[in-house]
Amino acid sequence: KNWTKELKPWIIEYKDLKFQLETGKFKHVGLFPEQADNWDWMRKILKETKDARILNLFAYTGAATIAAAKEQAKEIVHVDALKSSIEAAKTNAKLNNVDDQYIRYMNDDVIKFLKREVRRERQYTGIIMDPPSFGRGPKGELWKIKDELDQLIDLAVSRLVEGGEFLITNTYTNNLSKKDVERTLIKALKKYNLPLNTKAYDLFLPVSHSDQYLAAGQTVRWVKNANYL
Protein backbone atom coordinates (compact mmCIF):
# COMPACT_ATOMS: atom_id res chain seq x y z
CA LYS A 1 0.00 0.00 0.00
CA ASN A 2 1.33 3.42 -0.95
CA TRP A 3 1.14 5.38 2.30
CA THR A 4 2.09 8.66 0.56
CA LYS A 5 -1.31 8.75 -1.16
CA GLU A 6 -2.98 9.10 2.24
CA LEU A 7 -1.13 12.30 3.13
CA LYS A 8 -2.58 15.63 2.12
CA PRO A 9 -0.38 18.66 1.33
CA TRP A 10 0.56 20.75 4.34
CA ILE A 11 1.99 24.23 4.93
CA ILE A 12 5.20 25.12 6.76
CA GLU A 13 6.60 28.54 7.62
CA TYR A 14 10.16 29.88 7.73
CA LYS A 15 10.33 33.47 8.96
CA ASP A 16 7.99 35.35 6.58
CA LEU A 17 8.01 32.57 3.96
CA LYS A 18 5.40 29.84 3.50
CA PHE A 19 5.67 26.66 1.48
CA GLN A 20 3.24 23.91 0.59
CA LEU A 21 4.75 20.46 1.03
CA GLU A 22 3.58 17.04 -0.07
CA THR A 23 5.15 13.62 -0.33
CA GLY A 24 6.36 12.51 -3.73
CA LYS A 25 7.40 9.24 -5.33
CA PHE A 26 11.10 10.11 -5.02
CA LYS A 27 10.77 10.71 -1.25
CA HIS A 28 10.92 14.47 -1.74
CA VAL A 29 8.49 16.80 0.01
CA GLY A 30 9.00 19.89 -2.15
CA LEU A 31 11.63 21.79 -0.17
CA PHE A 32 15.31 21.57 0.73
CA PRO A 33 15.40 23.34 4.12
CA GLU A 34 19.19 23.48 4.29
CA GLN A 35 18.96 26.16 1.60
CA ALA A 36 17.47 28.61 4.12
CA ASP A 37 20.97 29.94 4.75
CA ASN A 38 21.25 30.88 1.07
CA TRP A 39 17.79 32.49 1.04
CA ASP A 40 18.77 34.67 3.99
CA TRP A 41 22.12 35.61 2.43
CA MET A 42 20.54 36.50 -0.90
CA ARG A 43 17.86 38.60 0.76
CA LYS A 44 20.49 40.56 2.68
CA ILE A 45 22.10 41.55 -0.63
CA LEU A 46 18.79 42.29 -2.33
CA LYS A 47 17.76 44.66 0.48
CA GLU A 48 20.64 46.87 -0.68
CA THR A 49 20.09 46.36 -4.43
CA LYS A 50 17.62 48.28 -6.56
CA ASP A 51 15.89 46.88 -9.66
CA ALA A 52 17.46 43.44 -9.26
CA ARG A 53 16.96 40.85 -11.99
CA ILE A 54 17.27 37.31 -10.64
CA LEU A 55 17.75 34.03 -12.53
CA ASN A 56 16.81 30.85 -10.63
CA LEU A 57 18.06 27.74 -12.48
CA PHE A 58 16.92 24.20 -11.63
CA ALA A 59 14.42 26.21 -9.60
CA TYR A 60 12.29 23.30 -8.33
CA THR A 61 9.29 24.50 -6.30
CA GLY A 62 10.51 28.06 -6.08
CA ALA A 63 11.81 28.70 -2.57
CA ALA A 64 14.59 30.98 -3.81
CA THR A 65 12.16 32.59 -6.26
CA ILE A 66 9.79 33.42 -3.40
CA ALA A 67 12.64 34.75 -1.24
CA ALA A 68 13.76 37.08 -4.06
CA ALA A 69 10.19 38.22 -4.68
CA LYS A 70 9.82 39.14 -1.01
CA GLU A 71 12.65 41.64 -1.53
CA GLN A 72 10.85 43.26 -4.47
CA ALA A 73 13.20 42.06 -7.19
CA LYS A 74 12.31 43.78 -10.47
CA GLU A 75 12.27 40.51 -12.41
CA ILE A 76 12.70 36.85 -11.51
CA VAL A 77 13.17 34.18 -14.17
CA HIS A 78 12.35 30.73 -12.81
CA VAL A 79 13.67 27.84 -14.95
CA ASP A 80 12.93 24.16 -14.38
CA ALA A 81 12.59 21.09 -16.60
CA LEU A 82 9.55 19.69 -14.77
CA LYS A 83 6.11 21.18 -15.31
CA SER A 84 5.00 19.79 -11.96
CA SER A 85 7.73 21.79 -10.18
CA ILE A 86 6.70 24.95 -11.98
CA GLU A 87 3.07 24.45 -10.96
CA ALA A 88 4.19 23.94 -7.35
CA ALA A 89 6.23 27.16 -7.56
CA LYS A 90 3.16 29.06 -8.76
CA THR A 91 1.21 27.66 -5.80
CA ASN A 92 3.94 28.84 -3.42
CA ALA A 93 3.95 32.29 -5.03
CA LYS A 94 0.22 32.63 -4.39
CA LEU A 95 0.65 31.35 -0.85
CA ASN A 96 3.19 34.12 -0.19
CA ASN A 97 1.17 36.82 -1.95
CA VAL A 98 3.91 37.44 -4.52
CA ASP A 99 2.12 35.98 -7.54
CA ASP A 100 1.69 39.52 -8.87
CA GLN A 101 5.46 40.06 -8.84
CA TYR A 102 7.15 39.88 -12.23
CA ILE A 103 8.04 36.17 -12.16
CA ARG A 104 8.56 34.44 -15.52
CA TYR A 105 8.23 30.66 -15.34
CA MET A 106 10.20 28.77 -17.98
CA ASN A 107 9.77 25.03 -18.55
CA ASP A 108 13.12 24.51 -20.25
CA ASP A 109 16.48 22.78 -20.34
CA VAL A 110 18.89 25.03 -18.41
CA ILE A 111 21.84 24.83 -20.80
CA LYS A 112 19.67 25.54 -23.84
CA PHE A 113 18.01 28.42 -21.99
CA LEU A 114 21.36 29.96 -21.01
CA LYS A 115 22.66 29.73 -24.57
CA ARG A 116 19.59 31.63 -25.76
CA GLU A 117 20.14 34.25 -23.06
CA VAL A 118 23.69 34.69 -24.38
CA ARG A 119 22.33 35.34 -27.88
CA ARG A 120 19.71 37.71 -26.44
CA GLU A 121 22.45 39.46 -24.41
CA ARG A 122 20.28 39.31 -21.29
CA GLN A 123 22.13 39.66 -18.01
CA TYR A 124 21.23 39.35 -14.35
CA THR A 125 21.94 40.85 -10.95
CA GLY A 126 22.03 37.47 -9.25
CA ILE A 127 21.88 33.81 -10.22
CA ILE A 128 20.92 30.80 -8.11
CA MET A 129 21.68 27.29 -9.40
CA ASP A 130 20.69 23.99 -7.80
CA PRO A 131 21.76 21.40 -10.38
CA PRO A 132 21.00 17.71 -9.75
CA SER A 133 23.63 15.01 -10.09
CA PHE A 134 21.61 13.40 -12.87
CA GLY A 135 18.41 14.28 -14.67
CA ARG A 136 16.59 14.87 -17.93
CA GLY A 137 15.26 18.00 -19.59
CA PRO A 138 11.65 18.52 -20.77
CA LYS A 139 12.50 16.87 -24.10
CA GLY A 140 14.54 14.05 -22.62
CA GLU A 141 17.87 15.91 -22.66
CA LEU A 142 20.38 13.97 -20.56
CA TRP A 143 22.02 15.87 -17.70
CA LYS A 144 25.11 14.72 -15.78
CA ILE A 145 26.66 17.37 -13.60
CA LYS A 146 30.20 16.01 -13.97
CA ASP A 147 29.93 16.45 -17.75
CA GLU A 148 28.07 19.77 -17.75
CA LEU A 149 29.49 21.72 -14.80
CA ASP A 150 32.17 23.68 -16.71
CA GLN A 151 29.72 24.77 -19.40
CA LEU A 152 26.99 25.57 -16.86
CA ILE A 153 29.20 27.82 -14.75
CA ASP A 154 30.80 29.53 -17.75
CA LEU A 155 27.40 30.35 -19.25
CA ALA A 156 26.02 31.54 -15.92
CA VAL A 157 28.99 33.80 -15.13
CA SER A 158 28.76 35.29 -18.60
CA ARG A 159 25.24 36.48 -17.70
CA LEU A 160 26.62 38.41 -14.67
CA VAL A 161 29.23 40.55 -16.38
CA GLU A 162 27.42 43.89 -16.23
CA GLY A 163 25.85 44.68 -12.88
CA GLY A 164 26.11 41.19 -11.43
CA GLU A 165 26.13 41.06 -7.63
CA PHE A 166 26.06 37.37 -6.64
CA LEU A 167 25.94 33.74 -7.76
CA ILE A 168 25.02 30.67 -5.70
CA THR A 169 25.76 27.11 -6.85
CA ASN A 170 24.51 24.16 -4.80
CA THR A 171 25.66 20.59 -5.34
CA TYR A 172 24.73 17.24 -3.83
CA THR A 173 27.08 14.98 -5.78
CA ASN A 174 29.29 12.68 -3.70
CA ASN A 175 32.21 12.60 -6.14
CA LEU A 176 32.19 16.35 -6.81
CA SER A 177 33.79 18.37 -4.03
CA LYS A 178 32.95 21.97 -3.22
CA LYS A 179 36.57 22.86 -3.98
CA ASP A 180 36.20 21.38 -7.47
CA VAL A 181 33.17 23.59 -8.03
CA GLU A 182 34.96 26.62 -6.60
CA ARG A 183 37.96 26.09 -8.90
CA THR A 184 35.63 25.88 -11.90
CA LEU A 185 33.91 29.07 -10.80
CA ILE A 186 37.19 30.93 -10.32
CA LYS A 187 38.30 29.95 -13.83
CA ALA A 188 35.12 31.50 -15.26
CA LEU A 189 35.45 34.61 -13.08
CA LYS A 190 38.96 35.19 -14.42
CA LYS A 191 37.74 34.72 -17.98
CA TYR A 192 35.09 37.43 -17.55
CA ASN A 193 37.27 39.74 -15.40
CA LEU A 194 35.10 39.55 -12.29
CA PRO A 195 36.49 39.81 -8.73
CA LEU A 196 37.48 36.47 -7.21
CA ASN A 197 35.31 36.78 -4.11
CA THR A 198 34.24 33.18 -3.52
CA LYS A 199 33.39 30.95 -0.57
CA ALA A 200 32.80 27.19 -0.51
CA TYR A 201 31.25 25.41 2.45
CA ASP A 202 29.09 22.51 3.57
CA LEU A 203 25.40 22.78 4.34
CA PHE A 204 23.97 21.12 7.45
CA LEU A 205 20.65 20.59 9.17
CA PRO A 206 20.55 20.69 12.98
CA VAL A 207 19.21 17.58 14.73
CA SER A 208 16.53 18.32 17.32
CA HIS A 209 17.45 17.68 20.97
CA SER A 210 21.07 17.08 19.99
CA ASP A 211 24.28 18.92 19.23
CA GLN A 212 24.68 16.85 16.06
CA TYR A 213 24.24 18.08 12.48
CA LEU A 214 23.14 16.26 9.34
CA ALA A 215 25.26 16.91 6.25
CA ALA A 216 23.05 18.21 3.43
CA GLY A 217 25.10 19.18 0.39
CA GLN A 218 27.49 21.98 -0.48
CA THR A 219 27.30 25.58 -1.60
CA VAL A 220 29.76 27.75 -3.50
CA ARG A 221 29.07 31.49 -3.53
CA TRP A 222 30.44 34.41 -5.50
CA VAL A 223 29.70 38.02 -4.62
CA LYS A 224 30.92 41.30 -6.05
CA ASN A 225 31.18 42.96 -2.65
CA ALA A 226 33.52 40.83 -0.50
CA ASN A 227 31.93 42.25 2.67
CA TYR A 228 29.02 39.85 2.09
CA LEU A 229 31.22 36.74 2.28
Foldseek 3Di string as FASTA:
>chain_A
DPVQVVDDWDWDDDVLFIAIFGADPVRGTQDDVLCVVVLVLVLVVLLVDPQFEEEEALQFQPPSVLSNLVSVHQEYEYEHQDPVRLVNNCVRCVVSVSNVHHYHYHNWDQLVVLVVCVVVVAAGQEYEYEDACWDAGNVGHTDHCVVCLLVNLLSNVSRQLPNHFKYKYWYDDPPQAQVNSLVSNQVSCVVSVADSQKDKDWGWDDDPPDRDTHTDTIMMMDGRDNVSD
